[in-house]
Amino acid sequence: MNRVAIPVFQSRVSPVFDCCNRVVLIDIAQNREIKRTEITCQNLSVLERVNLLIESGVTLVICAGISQSFYDQLVAAGISTISAIIGQVDEVLSAFRSDRLDNSCFGMPGYKPER
């Protein structure tokens, strides 16, 4: 089972993970959503956010923007990331589960990932 974290603003992927207030955690097994919970990370530092994700058992973060230092700390913690993703959380999650996140409708306009 994978636990996926998606930072949320309203019902969309939050523009910048470093300063979002809420993160949705989704447990996925055999490409099916098993459980969904939400955690609050308002006023937490990057290190505190990383520790919260580790403690929550997150294995993958799907986000739009993320700072290099946040990304580096996630990698060091063994948490994978897929960045430069935009859209409604439910649509992004559905695309992830069906291996369609590379569809241009989920990519940040003008962004070409180097990672």
C-alpha atoms as a PDB file:
ATOM      1  CA  MET A   1       0.000   0.000   0.000  1.00  0.00           C
ATOM      2  CA  ASN A   2       1.160   3.546  -0.779  1.00  0.00           C
ATOM      3  CA  ARG A   3       0.277   6.634   1.208  1.00  0.00           C
ATOM      4  CA  VAL A   4       0.173   9.622  -1.119  1.00  0.00           C
ATOM      5  CA  ALA A   5       0.216  13.224   0.128  1.00  0.00           C
ATOM      6  CA  ILE A   6      -1.282  16.066  -1.910  1.00  0.00           C
ATOM      7  CA  PRO A   7      -1.183  19.649  -0.610  1.00  0.00           C
ATOM      8  CA  VAL A   8      -4.609  21.252  -1.033  1.00  0.00           C
ATOM      9  CA  PHE A   9      -5.995  24.742  -1.505  1.00  0.00           C
ATOM     10  CA  GLN A  10      -9.783  24.606  -1.727  1.00  0.00           C
ATOM     11  CA  SER A  11     -10.272  21.484  -3.876  1.00  0.00           C
ATOM     12  CA  ARG A  12      -7.171  21.950  -6.034  1.00  0.00           C
ATOM     13  CA  VAL A  13      -3.516  21.015  -5.699  1.00  0.00           C
ATOM     14  CA  SER A  14      -1.962  23.856  -3.709  1.00  0.00           C
ATOM     15  CA  PRO A  15       0.357  26.063  -5.807  1.00  0.00           C
ATOM     16  CA  VAL A  16       3.306  25.837  -3.367  1.00  0.00           C
ATOM     17  CA  PHE A  17       3.763  22.924  -0.972  1.00  0.00           C
ATOM     18  CA  ASP A  18       6.106  24.877   1.314  1.00  0.00           C
ATOM     19  CA  CYS A  19       3.339  27.190   2.517  1.00  0.00           C
ATOM     20  CA  CYS A  20       0.103  25.204   2.157  1.00  0.00           C
ATOM     21  CA  ASN A  21      -2.186  24.820   5.172  1.00  0.00           C
ATOM     22  CA  ARG A  22      -3.695  21.396   4.447  1.00  0.00           C
ATOM     23  CA  VAL A  23      -2.488  18.088   3.047  1.00  0.00           C
ATOM     24  CA  VAL A  24      -4.723  15.223   1.978  1.00  0.00           C
ATOM     25  CA  LEU A  25      -3.343  11.744   2.663  1.00  0.00           C
ATOM     26  CA  ILE A  26      -4.656   8.964   0.449  1.00  0.00           C
ATOM     27  CA  ASP A  27      -3.989   5.289   1.037  1.00  0.00           C
ATOM     28  CA  ILE A  28      -3.869   3.416  -2.274  1.00  0.00           C
ATOM     29  CA  ALA A  29      -3.693  -0.335  -2.737  1.00  0.00           C
ATOM     30  CA  GLN A  30      -3.976  -2.122  -6.086  1.00  0.00           C
ATOM     31  CA  ASN A  31      -4.806   1.242  -7.747  1.00  0.00           C
ATOM     32  CA  ARG A  32      -7.819   1.749  -5.489  1.00  0.00           C
ATOM     33  CA  GLU A  33      -8.328   4.425  -2.878  1.00  0.00           C
ATOM     34  CA  ILE A  34      -8.647   2.739   0.496  1.00  0.00           C
ATOM     35  CA  LYS A  35      -8.739   5.675   2.877  1.00  0.00           C
ATOM     36  CA  ARG A  36      -8.498   9.473   2.791  1.00  0.00           C
ATOM     37  CA  THR A  37      -7.568  11.727   5.692  1.00  0.00           C
ATOM     38  CA  GLU A  38      -6.450  15.318   6.039  1.00  0.00           C
ATOM     39  CA  ILE A  39      -3.701  16.849   8.126  1.00  0.00           C
ATOM     40  CA  THR A  40      -3.035  20.483   8.939  1.00  0.00           C
ATOM     41  CA  CYS A  41       0.430  21.937   8.500  1.00  0.00           C
ATOM     42  CA  GLN A  42      -0.258  25.631   8.959  1.00  0.00           C
ATOM     43  CA  ASN A  43       2.700  27.560  10.403  1.00  0.00           C
ATOM     44  CA  LEU A  44       5.027  24.535  10.230  1.00  0.00           C
ATOM     45  CA  SER A  45       8.591  24.890   8.999  1.00  0.00           C
ATOM     46  CA  VAL A  46       9.854  22.770   6.116  1.00  0.00           C
ATOM     47  CA  LEU A  47      11.587  20.422   8.568  1.00  0.00           C
ATOM     48  CA  GLU A  48       8.411  20.095  10.637  1.00  0.00           C
ATOM     49  CA  ARG A  49       6.430  19.354   7.452  1.00  0.00           C
ATOM     50  CA  VAL A  50       8.909  16.667   6.422  1.00  0.00           C
ATOM     51  CA  ASN A  51       8.736  15.093   9.887  1.00  0.00           C
ATOM     52  CA  LEU A  52       4.930  15.165   9.799  1.00  0.00           C
ATOM     53  CA  LEU A  53       4.953  13.367   6.438  1.00  0.00           C
ATOM     54  CA  ILE A  54       7.430  10.784   7.743  1.00  0.00           C
ATOM     55  CA  GLU A  55       5.351  10.205  10.895  1.00  0.00           C
ATOM     56  CA  SER A  56       2.236   9.864   8.717  1.00  0.00           C
ATOM     57  CA  GLY A  57       3.864   7.133   6.634  1.00  0.00           C
ATOM     58  CA  VAL A  58       3.827   9.065   3.359  1.00  0.00           C
ATOM     59  CA  THR A  59       5.686   7.372   0.489  1.00  0.00           C
ATOM     60  CA  LEU A  60       4.871   9.836  -2.321  1.00  0.00           C
ATOM     61  CA  VAL A  61       4.100  13.546  -2.588  1.00  0.00           C
ATOM     62  CA  ILE A  62       2.226  14.899  -5.607  1.00  0.00           C
ATOM     63  CA  CYS A  63       2.452  18.682  -5.737  1.00  0.00           C
ATOM     64  CA  ALA A  64       2.677  21.761  -7.925  1.00  0.00           C
ATOM     65  CA  GLY A  65       5.591  23.850  -6.692  1.00  0.00           C
ATOM     66  CA  ILE A  66       8.125  22.836  -4.068  1.00  0.00           C
ATOM     67  CA  SER A  67      11.364  24.483  -2.978  1.00  0.00           C
ATOM     68  CA  GLN A  68      14.649  22.726  -3.622  1.00  0.00           C
ATOM     69  CA  SER A  69      15.380  22.467   0.112  1.00  0.00           C
ATOM     70  CA  PHE A  70      11.975  20.844   0.797  1.00  0.00           C
ATOM     71  CA  TYR A  71      12.479  18.480  -2.152  1.00  0.00           C
ATOM     72  CA  ASP A  72      15.981  17.557  -0.945  1.00  0.00           C
ATOM     73  CA  GLN A  73      14.703  16.772   2.554  1.00  0.00           C
ATOM     74  CA  LEU A  74      11.904  14.585   1.174  1.00  0.00           C
ATOM     75  CA  VAL A  75      14.411  12.666  -0.956  1.00  0.00           C
ATOM     76  CA  ALA A  76      16.699  12.225   2.060  1.00  0.00           C
ATOM     77  CA  ALA A  77      13.718  10.841   3.991  1.00  0.00           C
ATOM     78  CA  GLY A  78      12.962   8.342   1.217  1.00  0.00           C
ATOM     79  CA  ILE A  79       9.783  10.080   0.084  1.00  0.00           C
ATOM     80  CA  SER A  80       9.300  10.277  -3.685  1.00  0.00           C
ATOM     81  CA  THR A  81       7.860  13.366  -5.363  1.00  0.00           C
ATOM     82  CA  ILE A  82       5.992  14.194  -8.513  1.00  0.00           C
ATOM     83  CA  SER A  83       5.984  17.965  -8.918  1.00  0.00           C
ATOM     84  CA  ALA A  84       4.635  20.547 -11.378  1.00  0.00           C
ATOM     85  CA  ILE A  85       1.170  18.969 -11.162  1.00  0.00           C
ATOM     86  CA  ILE A  86      -1.960  21.128 -11.136  1.00  0.00           C
ATOM     87  CA  GLY A  87      -5.682  20.458 -11.099  1.00  0.00           C
ATOM     88  CA  GLN A  88      -8.569  19.275  -8.954  1.00  0.00           C
ATOM     89  CA  VAL A  89      -7.325  16.840  -6.310  1.00  0.00           C
ATOM     90  CA  ASP A  90      -9.801  14.101  -7.283  1.00  0.00           C
ATOM     91  CA  GLU A  91      -8.866  14.387 -10.977  1.00  0.00           C
ATOM     92  CA  VAL A  92      -5.139  14.357 -10.188  1.00  0.00           C
ATOM     93  CA  LEU A  93      -5.575  11.329  -7.958  1.00  0.00           C
ATOM     94  CA  SER A  94      -7.587   9.511 -10.627  1.00  0.00           C
ATOM     95  CA  ALA A  95      -4.916  10.311 -13.228  1.00  0.00           C
ATOM     96  CA  PHE A  96      -2.184   9.069 -10.880  1.00  0.00           C
ATOM     97  CA  ARG A  97      -4.015   5.804 -10.241  1.00  0.00           C
ATOM     98  CA  SER A  98      -4.451   5.227 -13.988  1.00  0.00           C
ATOM     99  CA  ASP A  99      -0.889   6.333 -14.871  1.00  0.00           C
ATOM    100  CA  ARG A 100      -2.053   9.443 -16.765  1.00  0.00           C
ATOM    101  CA  LEU A 101      -0.328  12.227 -14.809  1.00  0.00           C
ATOM    102  CA  ASP A 102       1.858  12.943 -17.830  1.00  0.00           C
ATOM    103  CA  ASN A 103      -1.213  14.338 -19.617  1.00  0.00           C
ATOM    104  CA  SER A 104      -0.537  18.011 -20.372  1.00  0.00           C
ATOM    105  CA  CYS A 105      -3.757  19.108 -18.620  1.00  0.00           C
ATOM    106  CA  PHE A 106      -2.066  18.276 -15.285  1.00  0.00           C
ATOM    107  CA  GLY A 107       1.252  20.023 -15.993  1.00  0.00           C
ATOM    108  CA  MET A 108       2.101  23.517 -14.824  1.00  0.00           C
ATOM    109  CA  PRO A 109       2.081  25.823 -17.853  1.00  0.00           C
ATOM    110  CA  GLY A 110       5.579  26.633 -19.068  1.00  0.00           C
ATOM    111  CA  TYR A 111       7.320  24.310 -16.612  1.00  0.00           C
ATOM    112  CA  LYS A 112       9.785  21.718 -17.844  1.00  0.00           C
ATOM    113  CA  PRO A 113      10.934  19.520 -14.947  1.00  0.00           C
ATOM    114  CA  GLU A 114      14.647  18.822 -14.663  1.00  0.00           C
ATOM    115  CA  ARG A 115      14.238  15.950 -12.191  1.00  0.00           C
END
